[in-house]
Amino acid sequence: MKIMKIYSWNVNGIRATIRKGALQDFMLKHQPDIFCLQETKAKQGQAEIDFEGYEEYWNSAVKPGYSGTAIFTKVKPLKVENGFPKDFIDKFKLHGDVYGNPNDEGRVITAEFDKFFLVGVYTINIKDDLSRLKIREVWDKAFLAWCQELEKRKPVVFCGDLNVAHTEDDLARPKENVGKRGFTDEERAGFQALIDHGFVDTFRIFKRGNGFYTWWTHWANARARNVGWRIDYFLVSKTLKSKVKAAEIHPSVMGSDHCPVSVDLDV
C-alpha cells in the first residue's frame, strides 16, 4: 500500500511566506508528496527557493503580485494544464467583469497522474459588497463542469481555497455572517452542487461539528481565539472515498492567514 500525502495551502504571497521561513519549515516538517499552493502572488523564478526532489508547475496571474496557483510534486505528472479550456470559457461566457478576466488570474491548475486528476483551485472572492457574485456563480458552474469532464477519464481530487463556508458548522459565527461574503446562499449552493454531484468533502469523513477552521481574519486576535472559517478543502470523486485514509487541518502551521489542509490517499 502506497500512501500519498497531498497538501494544499493558501500562502497569501509565497515570497512573504519564504521571507518568514514558514514555507521552508513546513516543507521540512511535513514533506508532502504533492503540494498545491494558492494565492502565490508571484511568477515562477520570483520566489528564490528550490525544494530538492520537487518539480514545480505554476499558473500565475497576468497581473503582477496577484492571485495564482502552483503545484510542487515529487511524483512527475503525465500532463499539467493551466486554466479552463477555451470551449469551457466560451460555453459558460466566463469572460470577465469590471475587475478583470478570471481566466487571467491563475486560478486553476490541473495535473494528471496515473490513477487520478489533481486540480488546484483558488476560487473567486466576491468582495465585501458582493460585486463579484455574478461571475462567481458562473465560475462555480464552469468549475463543476470541468471536474465532471475530467472524471469521465479517471477519478478527480481537487483542493484549494474555495472561498465559501459550506454549512453553519464551517464558521465560528454563522448567524452574524448570513448573506455576507463567503456565506451567501449563492456561494453555498455552488459548493452544494459539488456535493450533489457526488464529490466527497474529505475532512467530513472523519470529523463532524464546528471548531475546525482554515482561515482567520487578522482582526481582534481571531486566530488565537479560533474565530475562523473553513474555506479550504479537499474533495474527491466518490470512487476514491475508500482510498482516503486521513484528512486533516493544520492550524499550528503559521505564515499565512490560512493554514494548510491535507489528505492521505491510498493509491
C-alpha atoms as a PDB file:
ATOM      1  CA  MET A   1       0.000   0.000   0.000  1.00  0.00           C
ATOM      2  CA  LYS A   2       1.415   3.359  -1.046  1.00  0.00           C
ATOM      3  CA  ILE A   3       0.065   6.324   0.926  1.00  0.00           C
ATOM      4  CA  MET A   4       0.368   9.607  -0.942  1.00  0.00           C
ATOM      5  CA  LYS A   5       0.422  12.719   1.228  1.00  0.00           C
ATOM      6  CA  ILE A   6      -1.155  15.666  -0.582  1.00  0.00           C
ATOM      7  CA  TYR A   7      -1.280  19.133   0.969  1.00  0.00           C
ATOM      8  CA  SER A   8      -2.918  22.391  -0.018  1.00  0.00           C
ATOM      9  CA  TRP A   9      -2.157  25.864   1.351  1.00  0.00           C
ATOM     10  CA  ASN A  10      -3.223  29.387   0.503  1.00  0.00           C
ATOM     11  CA  VAL A  11       0.135  31.001   1.294  1.00  0.00           C
ATOM     12  CA  ASN A  12      -1.119  34.589   0.774  1.00  0.00           C
ATOM     13  CA  GLY A  13       2.068  35.503  -1.092  1.00  0.00           C
ATOM     14  CA  ILE A  14       4.769  32.854  -1.493  1.00  0.00           C
ATOM     15  CA  ARG A  15       7.606  35.380  -1.243  1.00  0.00           C
ATOM     16  CA  ALA A  16       6.348  36.663   2.103  1.00  0.00           C
ATOM     17  CA  THR A  17       5.946  33.096   3.395  1.00  0.00           C
ATOM     18  CA  ILE A  18       9.527  32.334   2.339  1.00  0.00           C
ATOM     19  CA  ARG A  19      10.876  35.523   3.954  1.00  0.00           C
ATOM     20  CA  LYS A  20       9.296  34.430   7.238  1.00  0.00           C
ATOM     21  CA  GLY A  21      10.896  30.980   6.881  1.00  0.00           C
ATOM     22  CA  ALA A  22       7.407  29.489   7.204  1.00  0.00           C
ATOM     23  CA  LEU A  23       7.358  27.645   3.881  1.00  0.00           C
ATOM     24  CA  GLN A  24      10.779  26.099   4.469  1.00  0.00           C
ATOM     25  CA  ASP A  25       9.734  24.954   7.945  1.00  0.00           C
ATOM     26  CA  PHE A  26       6.512  23.485   6.595  1.00  0.00           C
ATOM     27  CA  MET A  27       8.240  21.536   3.811  1.00  0.00           C
ATOM     28  CA  LEU A  28      10.900  20.192   6.181  1.00  0.00           C
ATOM     29  CA  LYS A  29       8.352  19.008   8.741  1.00  0.00           C
ATOM     30  CA  HIS A  30       5.558  17.697   6.512  1.00  0.00           C
ATOM     31  CA  GLN A  31       7.413  16.627   3.329  1.00  0.00           C
ATOM     32  CA  PRO A  32       4.326  16.361   1.139  1.00  0.00           C
ATOM     33  CA  ASP A  33       4.401  14.100  -1.897  1.00  0.00           C
ATOM     34  CA  ILE A  34       2.336  16.725  -3.705  1.00  0.00           C
ATOM     35  CA  PHE A  35       1.780  20.294  -2.564  1.00  0.00           C
ATOM     36  CA  CYS A  36      -0.825  22.621  -4.077  1.00  0.00           C
ATOM     37  CA  LEU A  37      -0.484  26.351  -3.411  1.00  0.00           C
ATOM     38  CA  GLN A  38      -2.940  29.188  -3.870  1.00  0.00           C
ATOM     39  CA  GLU A  39      -2.505  32.946  -3.871  1.00  0.00           C
ATOM     40  CA  THR A  40       1.170  32.647  -4.778  1.00  0.00           C
ATOM     41  CA  LYS A  41       1.217  36.308  -5.902  1.00  0.00           C
ATOM     42  CA  ALA A  42       4.332  35.557  -7.941  1.00  0.00           C
ATOM     43  CA  LYS A  43       5.643  34.098 -11.167  1.00  0.00           C
ATOM     44  CA  GLN A  44       7.994  31.126 -11.269  1.00  0.00           C
ATOM     45  CA  GLY A  45      11.513  32.363 -10.620  1.00  0.00           C
ATOM     46  CA  GLN A  46      10.411  35.275  -8.442  1.00  0.00           C
ATOM     47  CA  ALA A  47      10.423  33.083  -5.358  1.00  0.00           C
ATOM     48  CA  GLU A  48      14.034  32.289  -4.557  1.00  0.00           C
ATOM     49  CA  ILE A  49      13.783  28.752  -3.277  1.00  0.00           C
ATOM     50  CA  ASP A  50      14.396  25.297  -4.642  1.00  0.00           C
ATOM     51  CA  PHE A  51      12.898  22.303  -2.879  1.00  0.00           C
ATOM     52  CA  GLU A  52      15.069  19.323  -3.727  1.00  0.00           C
ATOM     53  CA  GLY A  53      13.220  16.445  -5.358  1.00  0.00           C
ATOM     54  CA  TYR A  54      10.193  18.518  -6.396  1.00  0.00           C
ATOM     55  CA  GLU A  55       9.055  19.548  -9.836  1.00  0.00           C
ATOM     56  CA  GLU A  56       7.275  22.916  -9.943  1.00  0.00           C
ATOM     57  CA  TYR A  57       4.303  23.907 -12.078  1.00  0.00           C
ATOM     58  CA  TRP A  58       2.898  27.420 -11.892  1.00  0.00           C
ATOM     59  CA  ASN A  59      -0.230  29.156 -13.161  1.00  0.00           C
ATOM     60  CA  SER A  60       0.446  32.794 -12.346  1.00  0.00           C
ATOM     61  CA  ALA A  61      -1.858  35.740 -12.829  1.00  0.00           C
ATOM     62  CA  VAL A  62      -1.125  38.186 -15.636  1.00  0.00           C
ATOM     63  CA  LYS A  63      -1.401  40.994 -13.084  1.00  0.00           C
ATOM     64  CA  PRO A  64       1.819  41.097 -11.008  1.00  0.00           C
ATOM     65  CA  GLY A  65       1.593  40.206  -7.319  1.00  0.00           C
ATOM     66  CA  TYR A  66      -1.949  38.852  -7.536  1.00  0.00           C
ATOM     67  CA  SER A  67      -3.717  35.512  -7.155  1.00  0.00           C
ATOM     68  CA  GLY A  68      -2.046  32.472  -8.774  1.00  0.00           C
ATOM     69  CA  THR A  69      -1.759  28.736  -8.140  1.00  0.00           C
ATOM     70  CA  ALA A  70       1.099  26.232  -8.256  1.00  0.00           C
ATOM     71  CA  ILE A  71       1.871  22.556  -7.712  1.00  0.00           C
ATOM     72  CA  PHE A  72       5.135  21.228  -6.249  1.00  0.00           C
ATOM     73  CA  THR A  73       5.350  17.470  -6.682  1.00  0.00           C
ATOM     74  CA  LYS A  74       7.752  14.595  -6.113  1.00  0.00           C
ATOM     75  CA  VAL A  75       5.627  12.463  -8.449  1.00  0.00           C
ATOM     76  CA  LYS A  76       6.025  13.526 -12.068  1.00  0.00           C
ATOM     77  CA  PRO A  77       2.607  14.208 -13.617  1.00  0.00           C
ATOM     78  CA  LEU A  78       1.660  12.847 -17.016  1.00  0.00           C
ATOM     79  CA  LYS A  79       0.419  16.292 -18.015  1.00  0.00           C
ATOM     80  CA  VAL A  80      -0.286  19.708 -16.473  1.00  0.00           C
ATOM     81  CA  GLU A  81      -2.878  22.135 -17.805  1.00  0.00           C
ATOM     82  CA  ASN A  82      -3.427  25.739 -16.743  1.00  0.00           C
ATOM     83  CA  GLY A  83      -6.899  27.250 -16.548  1.00  0.00           C
ATOM     84  CA  PHE A  84     -10.110  26.130 -18.202  1.00  0.00           C
ATOM     85  CA  PRO A  85     -10.116  25.101 -21.874  1.00  0.00           C
ATOM     86  CA  LYS A  86     -11.313  27.788 -24.266  1.00  0.00           C
ATOM     87  CA  ASP A  87     -14.524  25.892 -25.102  1.00  0.00           C
ATOM     88  CA  PHE A  88     -15.467  25.940 -21.386  1.00  0.00           C
ATOM     89  CA  ILE A  89     -14.788  29.652 -21.160  1.00  0.00           C
ATOM     90  CA  ASP A  90     -16.961  30.272 -24.224  1.00  0.00           C
ATOM     91  CA  LYS A  91     -19.720  27.860 -23.180  1.00  0.00           C
ATOM     92  CA  PHE A  92     -20.146  29.496 -19.764  1.00  0.00           C
ATOM     93  CA  LYS A  93     -19.431  33.021 -21.057  1.00  0.00           C
ATOM     94  CA  LEU A  94     -16.731  33.327 -18.412  1.00  0.00           C
ATOM     95  CA  HIS A  95     -15.116  36.356 -19.990  1.00  0.00           C
ATOM     96  CA  GLY A  96     -14.678  38.680 -17.029  1.00  0.00           C
ATOM     97  CA  ASP A  97     -16.208  41.596 -15.182  1.00  0.00           C
ATOM     98  CA  VAL A  98     -15.211  45.105 -14.137  1.00  0.00           C
ATOM     99  CA  TYR A  99     -12.368  43.668 -12.050  1.00  0.00           C
ATOM    100  CA  GLY A 100     -10.844  41.702 -14.908  1.00  0.00           C
ATOM    101  CA  ASN A 101     -10.843  38.297 -16.529  1.00  0.00           C
ATOM    102  CA  PRO A 102     -10.721  35.377 -14.058  1.00  0.00           C
ATOM    103  CA  ASN A 103      -9.016  33.314 -16.766  1.00  0.00           C
ATOM    104  CA  ASP A 104      -6.023  35.665 -16.466  1.00  0.00           C
ATOM    105  CA  GLU A 105      -5.848  35.280 -12.688  1.00  0.00           C
ATOM    106  CA  GLY A 106      -4.115  31.891 -12.464  1.00  0.00           C
ATOM    107  CA  ARG A 107      -6.981  30.288 -10.585  1.00  0.00           C
ATOM    108  CA  VAL A 108      -6.927  26.667 -11.792  1.00  0.00           C
ATOM    109  CA  ILE A 109      -4.109  24.201 -12.357  1.00  0.00           C
ATOM    110  CA  THR A 110      -4.768  20.557 -13.298  1.00  0.00           C
ATOM    111  CA  ALA A 111      -2.218  17.748 -13.070  1.00  0.00           C
ATOM    112  CA  GLU A 112      -2.872  14.280 -14.432  1.00  0.00           C
ATOM    113  CA  PHE A 113      -1.359  11.353 -12.553  1.00  0.00           C
ATOM    114  CA  ASP A 114      -1.612   7.617 -13.204  1.00  0.00           C
ATOM    115  CA  LYS A 115      -4.656   6.999 -11.023  1.00  0.00           C
ATOM    116  CA  PHE A 116      -6.339  10.419 -10.753  1.00  0.00           C
ATOM    117  CA  PHE A 117      -6.506  14.047 -11.768  1.00  0.00           C
ATOM    118  CA  LEU A 118      -5.473  16.640  -9.204  1.00  0.00           C
ATOM    119  CA  VAL A 119      -6.969  20.120  -9.552  1.00  0.00           C
ATOM    120  CA  GLY A 120      -5.704  23.052  -7.502  1.00  0.00           C
ATOM    121  CA  VAL A 121      -8.144  25.957  -7.326  1.00  0.00           C
ATOM    122  CA  TYR A 122      -8.296  29.478  -5.953  1.00  0.00           C
ATOM    123  CA  THR A 123     -11.962  30.404  -6.294  1.00  0.00           C
ATOM    124  CA  ILE A 124     -13.092  33.979  -6.930  1.00  0.00           C
ATOM    125  CA  ASN A 125     -13.632  36.102  -3.826  1.00  0.00           C
ATOM    126  CA  ILE A 126     -16.888  38.004  -4.311  1.00  0.00           C
ATOM    127  CA  LYS A 127     -15.738  41.051  -2.270  1.00  0.00           C
ATOM    128  CA  ASP A 128     -17.443  42.675   0.701  1.00  0.00           C
ATOM    129  CA  ASP A 129     -20.007  44.450  -1.488  1.00  0.00           C
ATOM    130  CA  LEU A 130     -20.768  41.137  -3.315  1.00  0.00           C
ATOM    131  CA  SER A 131     -19.809  42.804  -6.608  1.00  0.00           C
ATOM    132  CA  ARG A 132     -18.184  39.624  -7.981  1.00  0.00           C
ATOM    133  CA  LEU A 133     -21.067  37.353  -7.013  1.00  0.00           C
ATOM    134  CA  LYS A 134     -22.482  37.158 -10.537  1.00  0.00           C
ATOM    135  CA  ILE A 135     -19.220  35.997 -12.097  1.00  0.00           C
ATOM    136  CA  ARG A 136     -18.585  33.725  -9.116  1.00  0.00           C
ATOM    137  CA  GLU A 137     -21.848  31.881  -9.837  1.00  0.00           C
ATOM    138  CA  VAL A 138     -20.732  31.329 -13.432  1.00  0.00           C
ATOM    139  CA  TRP A 139     -17.290  30.275 -12.227  1.00  0.00           C
ATOM    140  CA  ASP A 140     -18.761  27.662  -9.880  1.00  0.00           C
ATOM    141  CA  LYS A 141     -20.752  26.111 -12.726  1.00  0.00           C
ATOM    142  CA  ALA A 142     -17.708  26.043 -15.010  1.00  0.00           C
ATOM    143  CA  PHE A 143     -15.519  24.517 -12.304  1.00  0.00           C
ATOM    144  CA  LEU A 144     -18.012  21.727 -11.599  1.00  0.00           C
ATOM    145  CA  ALA A 145     -18.322  21.037 -15.328  1.00  0.00           C
ATOM    146  CA  TRP A 146     -14.522  20.874 -15.647  1.00  0.00           C
ATOM    147  CA  CYS A 147     -14.249  18.355 -12.816  1.00  0.00           C
ATOM    148  CA  GLN A 148     -17.070  16.313 -14.351  1.00  0.00           C
ATOM    149  CA  GLU A 149     -15.287  16.333 -17.710  1.00  0.00           C
ATOM    150  CA  LEU A 150     -12.064  15.077 -16.109  1.00  0.00           C
ATOM    151  CA  GLU A 151     -13.998  12.440 -14.186  1.00  0.00           C
ATOM    152  CA  LYS A 152     -15.065  10.812 -17.450  1.00  0.00           C
ATOM    153  CA  ARG A 153     -11.424   9.718 -17.793  1.00  0.00           C
ATOM    154  CA  LYS A 154     -10.324   8.984 -14.226  1.00  0.00           C
ATOM    155  CA  PRO A 155     -11.211   9.984 -10.644  1.00  0.00           C
ATOM    156  CA  VAL A 156     -10.653  13.562  -9.510  1.00  0.00           C
ATOM    157  CA  VAL A 157      -9.119  15.098  -6.401  1.00  0.00           C
ATOM    158  CA  PHE A 158      -9.484  18.848  -6.093  1.00  0.00           C
ATOM    159  CA  CYS A 159      -8.275  21.168  -3.405  1.00  0.00           C
ATOM    160  CA  GLY A 160      -7.722  24.762  -2.515  1.00  0.00           C
ATOM    161  CA  ASP A 161      -9.310  27.925  -1.260  1.00  0.00           C
ATOM    162  CA  LEU A 162     -12.944  27.734  -2.353  1.00  0.00           C
ATOM    163  CA  ASN A 163     -13.794  30.990  -0.580  1.00  0.00           C
ATOM    164  CA  VAL A 164     -17.017  29.664   0.958  1.00  0.00           C
ATOM    165  CA  ALA A 165     -18.078  28.116   4.244  1.00  0.00           C
ATOM    166  CA  HIS A 166     -20.398  25.300   3.202  1.00  0.00           C
ATOM    167  CA  THR A 167     -22.516  24.900   6.344  1.00  0.00           C
ATOM    168  CA  GLU A 168     -23.046  26.641   9.661  1.00  0.00           C
ATOM    169  CA  ASP A 169     -20.506  24.233  11.168  1.00  0.00           C
ATOM    170  CA  ASP A 170     -17.854  25.692   8.883  1.00  0.00           C
ATOM    171  CA  LEU A 171     -17.579  29.098  10.519  1.00  0.00           C
ATOM    172  CA  ALA A 172     -17.464  30.274  14.100  1.00  0.00           C
ATOM    173  CA  ARG A 173     -20.234  32.868  13.798  1.00  0.00           C
ATOM    174  CA  PRO A 174     -22.753  31.759  11.182  1.00  0.00           C
ATOM    175  CA  LYS A 175     -25.726  33.857  12.279  1.00  0.00           C
ATOM    176  CA  GLU A 176     -23.725  37.091  12.063  1.00  0.00           C
ATOM    177  CA  ASN A 177     -22.469  36.229   8.564  1.00  0.00           C
ATOM    178  CA  VAL A 178     -25.584  35.049   6.719  1.00  0.00           C
ATOM    179  CA  GLY A 179     -25.666  36.763   3.338  1.00  0.00           C
ATOM    180  CA  LYS A 180     -22.141  38.118   3.662  1.00  0.00           C
ATOM    181  CA  ARG A 181     -19.124  37.324   1.511  1.00  0.00           C
ATOM    182  CA  GLY A 182     -18.205  33.669   1.887  1.00  0.00           C
ATOM    183  CA  PHE A 183     -21.589  32.708   3.336  1.00  0.00           C
ATOM    184  CA  THR A 184     -24.189  33.813   0.777  1.00  0.00           C
ATOM    185  CA  ASP A 185     -26.872  31.391  -0.353  1.00  0.00           C
ATOM    186  CA  GLU A 186     -25.440  31.517  -3.880  1.00  0.00           C
ATOM    187  CA  GLU A 187     -21.889  30.583  -2.850  1.00  0.00           C
ATOM    188  CA  ARG A 188     -23.119  27.812  -0.584  1.00  0.00           C
ATOM    189  CA  ALA A 189     -25.319  26.472  -3.393  1.00  0.00           C
ATOM    190  CA  GLY A 190     -22.265  26.383  -5.655  1.00  0.00           C
ATOM    191  CA  PHE A 191     -20.473  24.190  -3.128  1.00  0.00           C
ATOM    192  CA  GLN A 192     -23.568  22.053  -2.562  1.00  0.00           C
ATOM    193  CA  ALA A 193     -23.690  21.359  -6.303  1.00  0.00           C
ATOM    194  CA  LEU A 194     -20.273  19.683  -5.981  1.00  0.00           C
ATOM    195  CA  ILE A 195     -21.609  17.509  -3.149  1.00  0.00           C
ATOM    196  CA  ASP A 196     -24.819  16.737  -5.040  1.00  0.00           C
ATOM    197  CA  HIS A 197     -22.773  15.557  -7.985  1.00  0.00           C
ATOM    198  CA  GLY A 198     -21.085  13.071  -5.679  1.00  0.00           C
ATOM    199  CA  PHE A 199     -17.823  14.729  -4.695  1.00  0.00           C
ATOM    200  CA  VAL A 200     -16.893  13.984  -1.086  1.00  0.00           C
ATOM    201  CA  ASP A 201     -15.686  16.594   1.410  1.00  0.00           C
ATOM    202  CA  THR A 202     -12.823  14.513   2.808  1.00  0.00           C
ATOM    203  CA  PHE A 203     -12.498  16.260   6.164  1.00  0.00           C
ATOM    204  CA  ARG A 204     -16.126  15.451   6.972  1.00  0.00           C
ATOM    205  CA  ILE A 205     -15.447  11.734   6.531  1.00  0.00           C
ATOM    206  CA  PHE A 206     -13.508  11.906   9.795  1.00  0.00           C
ATOM    207  CA  LYS A 207     -14.722  14.931  11.760  1.00  0.00           C
ATOM    208  CA  ARG A 208     -18.133  16.449  12.408  1.00  0.00           C
ATOM    209  CA  GLY A 209     -19.198  19.617  14.162  1.00  0.00           C
ATOM    210  CA  ASN A 210     -17.633  23.053  14.351  1.00  0.00           C
ATOM    211  CA  GLY A 211     -14.359  24.490  15.632  1.00  0.00           C
ATOM    212  CA  PHE A 212     -12.296  23.285  12.646  1.00  0.00           C
ATOM    213  CA  TYR A 213     -11.184  26.301  10.622  1.00  0.00           C
ATOM    214  CA  THR A 214      -8.604  27.125   7.954  1.00  0.00           C
ATOM    215  CA  TRP A 215      -8.760  30.930   7.733  1.00  0.00           C
ATOM    216  CA  TRP A 216      -8.866  33.675  10.328  1.00  0.00           C
ATOM    217  CA  THR A 217      -9.084  37.437   9.954  1.00  0.00           C
ATOM    218  CA  HIS A 218      -6.124  39.444  11.232  1.00  0.00           C
ATOM    219  CA  TRP A 219      -8.521  41.461  13.411  1.00  0.00           C
ATOM    220  CA  ALA A 220      -9.227  41.042  17.122  1.00  0.00           C
ATOM    221  CA  ASN A 221      -6.820  38.161  17.732  1.00  0.00           C
ATOM    222  CA  ALA A 222      -9.212  35.897  15.822  1.00  0.00           C
ATOM    223  CA  ARG A 223      -6.754  33.076  15.198  1.00  0.00           C
ATOM    224  CA  ALA A 224      -5.695  32.754  18.833  1.00  0.00           C
ATOM    225  CA  ARG A 225      -9.376  32.667  19.791  1.00  0.00           C
ATOM    226  CA  ASN A 226     -10.178  30.306  16.883  1.00  0.00           C
ATOM    227  CA  VAL A 227     -12.879  32.580  15.493  1.00  0.00           C
ATOM    228  CA  GLY A 228     -12.437  31.336  11.962  1.00  0.00           C
ATOM    229  CA  TRP A 229     -13.852  29.888   8.763  1.00  0.00           C
ATOM    230  CA  ARG A 230     -13.307  26.568   6.996  1.00  0.00           C
ATOM    231  CA  ILE A 231     -12.934  27.660   3.380  1.00  0.00           C
ATOM    232  CA  ASP A 232     -10.023  25.421   2.275  1.00  0.00           C
ATOM    233  CA  TYR A 233     -10.947  21.905   1.247  1.00  0.00           C
ATOM    234  CA  PHE A 234     -10.025  18.595  -0.331  1.00  0.00           C
ATOM    235  CA  LEU A 235     -12.838  16.912  -2.254  1.00  0.00           C
ATOM    236  CA  VAL A 236     -12.607  13.612  -4.122  1.00  0.00           C
ATOM    237  CA  SER A 237     -14.686  11.604  -6.544  1.00  0.00           C
ATOM    238  CA  LYS A 238     -16.906   9.186  -4.633  1.00  0.00           C
ATOM    239  CA  THR A 239     -14.969   6.270  -6.163  1.00  0.00           C
ATOM    240  CA  LEU A 240     -11.927   7.477  -4.190  1.00  0.00           C
ATOM    241  CA  LYS A 241     -13.705   7.819  -0.834  1.00  0.00           C
ATOM    242  CA  SER A 242     -12.467   4.457   0.458  1.00  0.00           C
ATOM    243  CA  LYS A 243      -8.923   5.413  -0.563  1.00  0.00           C
ATOM    244  CA  VAL A 244      -8.877   8.456   1.740  1.00  0.00           C
ATOM    245  CA  LYS A 245      -7.049   7.290   4.873  1.00  0.00           C
ATOM    246  CA  ALA A 246      -6.805  10.680   6.610  1.00  0.00           C
ATOM    247  CA  ALA A 247      -7.914  14.273   6.085  1.00  0.00           C
ATOM    248  CA  GLU A 248      -6.550  16.974   8.328  1.00  0.00           C
ATOM    249  CA  ILE A 249      -6.381  20.687   9.026  1.00  0.00           C
ATOM    250  CA  HIS A 250      -3.033  22.025  10.302  1.00  0.00           C
ATOM    251  CA  PRO A 251      -3.795  25.186  12.323  1.00  0.00           C
ATOM    252  CA  SER A 252      -0.389  25.178  14.043  1.00  0.00           C
ATOM    253  CA  VAL A 253       1.328  25.972  10.716  1.00  0.00           C
ATOM    254  CA  MET A 254       1.849  29.733  10.655  1.00  0.00           C
ATOM    255  CA  GLY A 255       2.972  32.072   7.884  1.00  0.00           C
ATOM    256  CA  SER A 256      -0.358  32.938   6.253  1.00  0.00           C
ATOM    257  CA  ASP A 257      -3.874  33.916   7.308  1.00  0.00           C
ATOM    258  CA  HIS A 258      -4.817  30.423   6.072  1.00  0.00           C
ATOM    259  CA  CYS A 259      -3.413  27.129   7.337  1.00  0.00           C
ATOM    260  CA  PRO A 260      -2.689  24.028   5.241  1.00  0.00           C
ATOM    261  CA  VAL A 261      -5.104  21.140   4.752  1.00  0.00           C
ATOM    262  CA  SER A 262      -4.171  17.632   3.691  1.00  0.00           C
ATOM    263  CA  VAL A 263      -5.298  14.172   2.663  1.00  0.00           C
ATOM    264  CA  ASP A 264      -3.557  10.803   2.809  1.00  0.00           C
ATOM    265  CA  LEU A 265      -4.575   8.832  -0.260  1.00  0.00           C
ATOM    266  CA  ASP A 266      -4.019   5.097  -0.698  1.00  0.00           C
ATOM    267  CA  VAL A 267      -3.037   4.831  -4.346  1.00  0.00           C
END
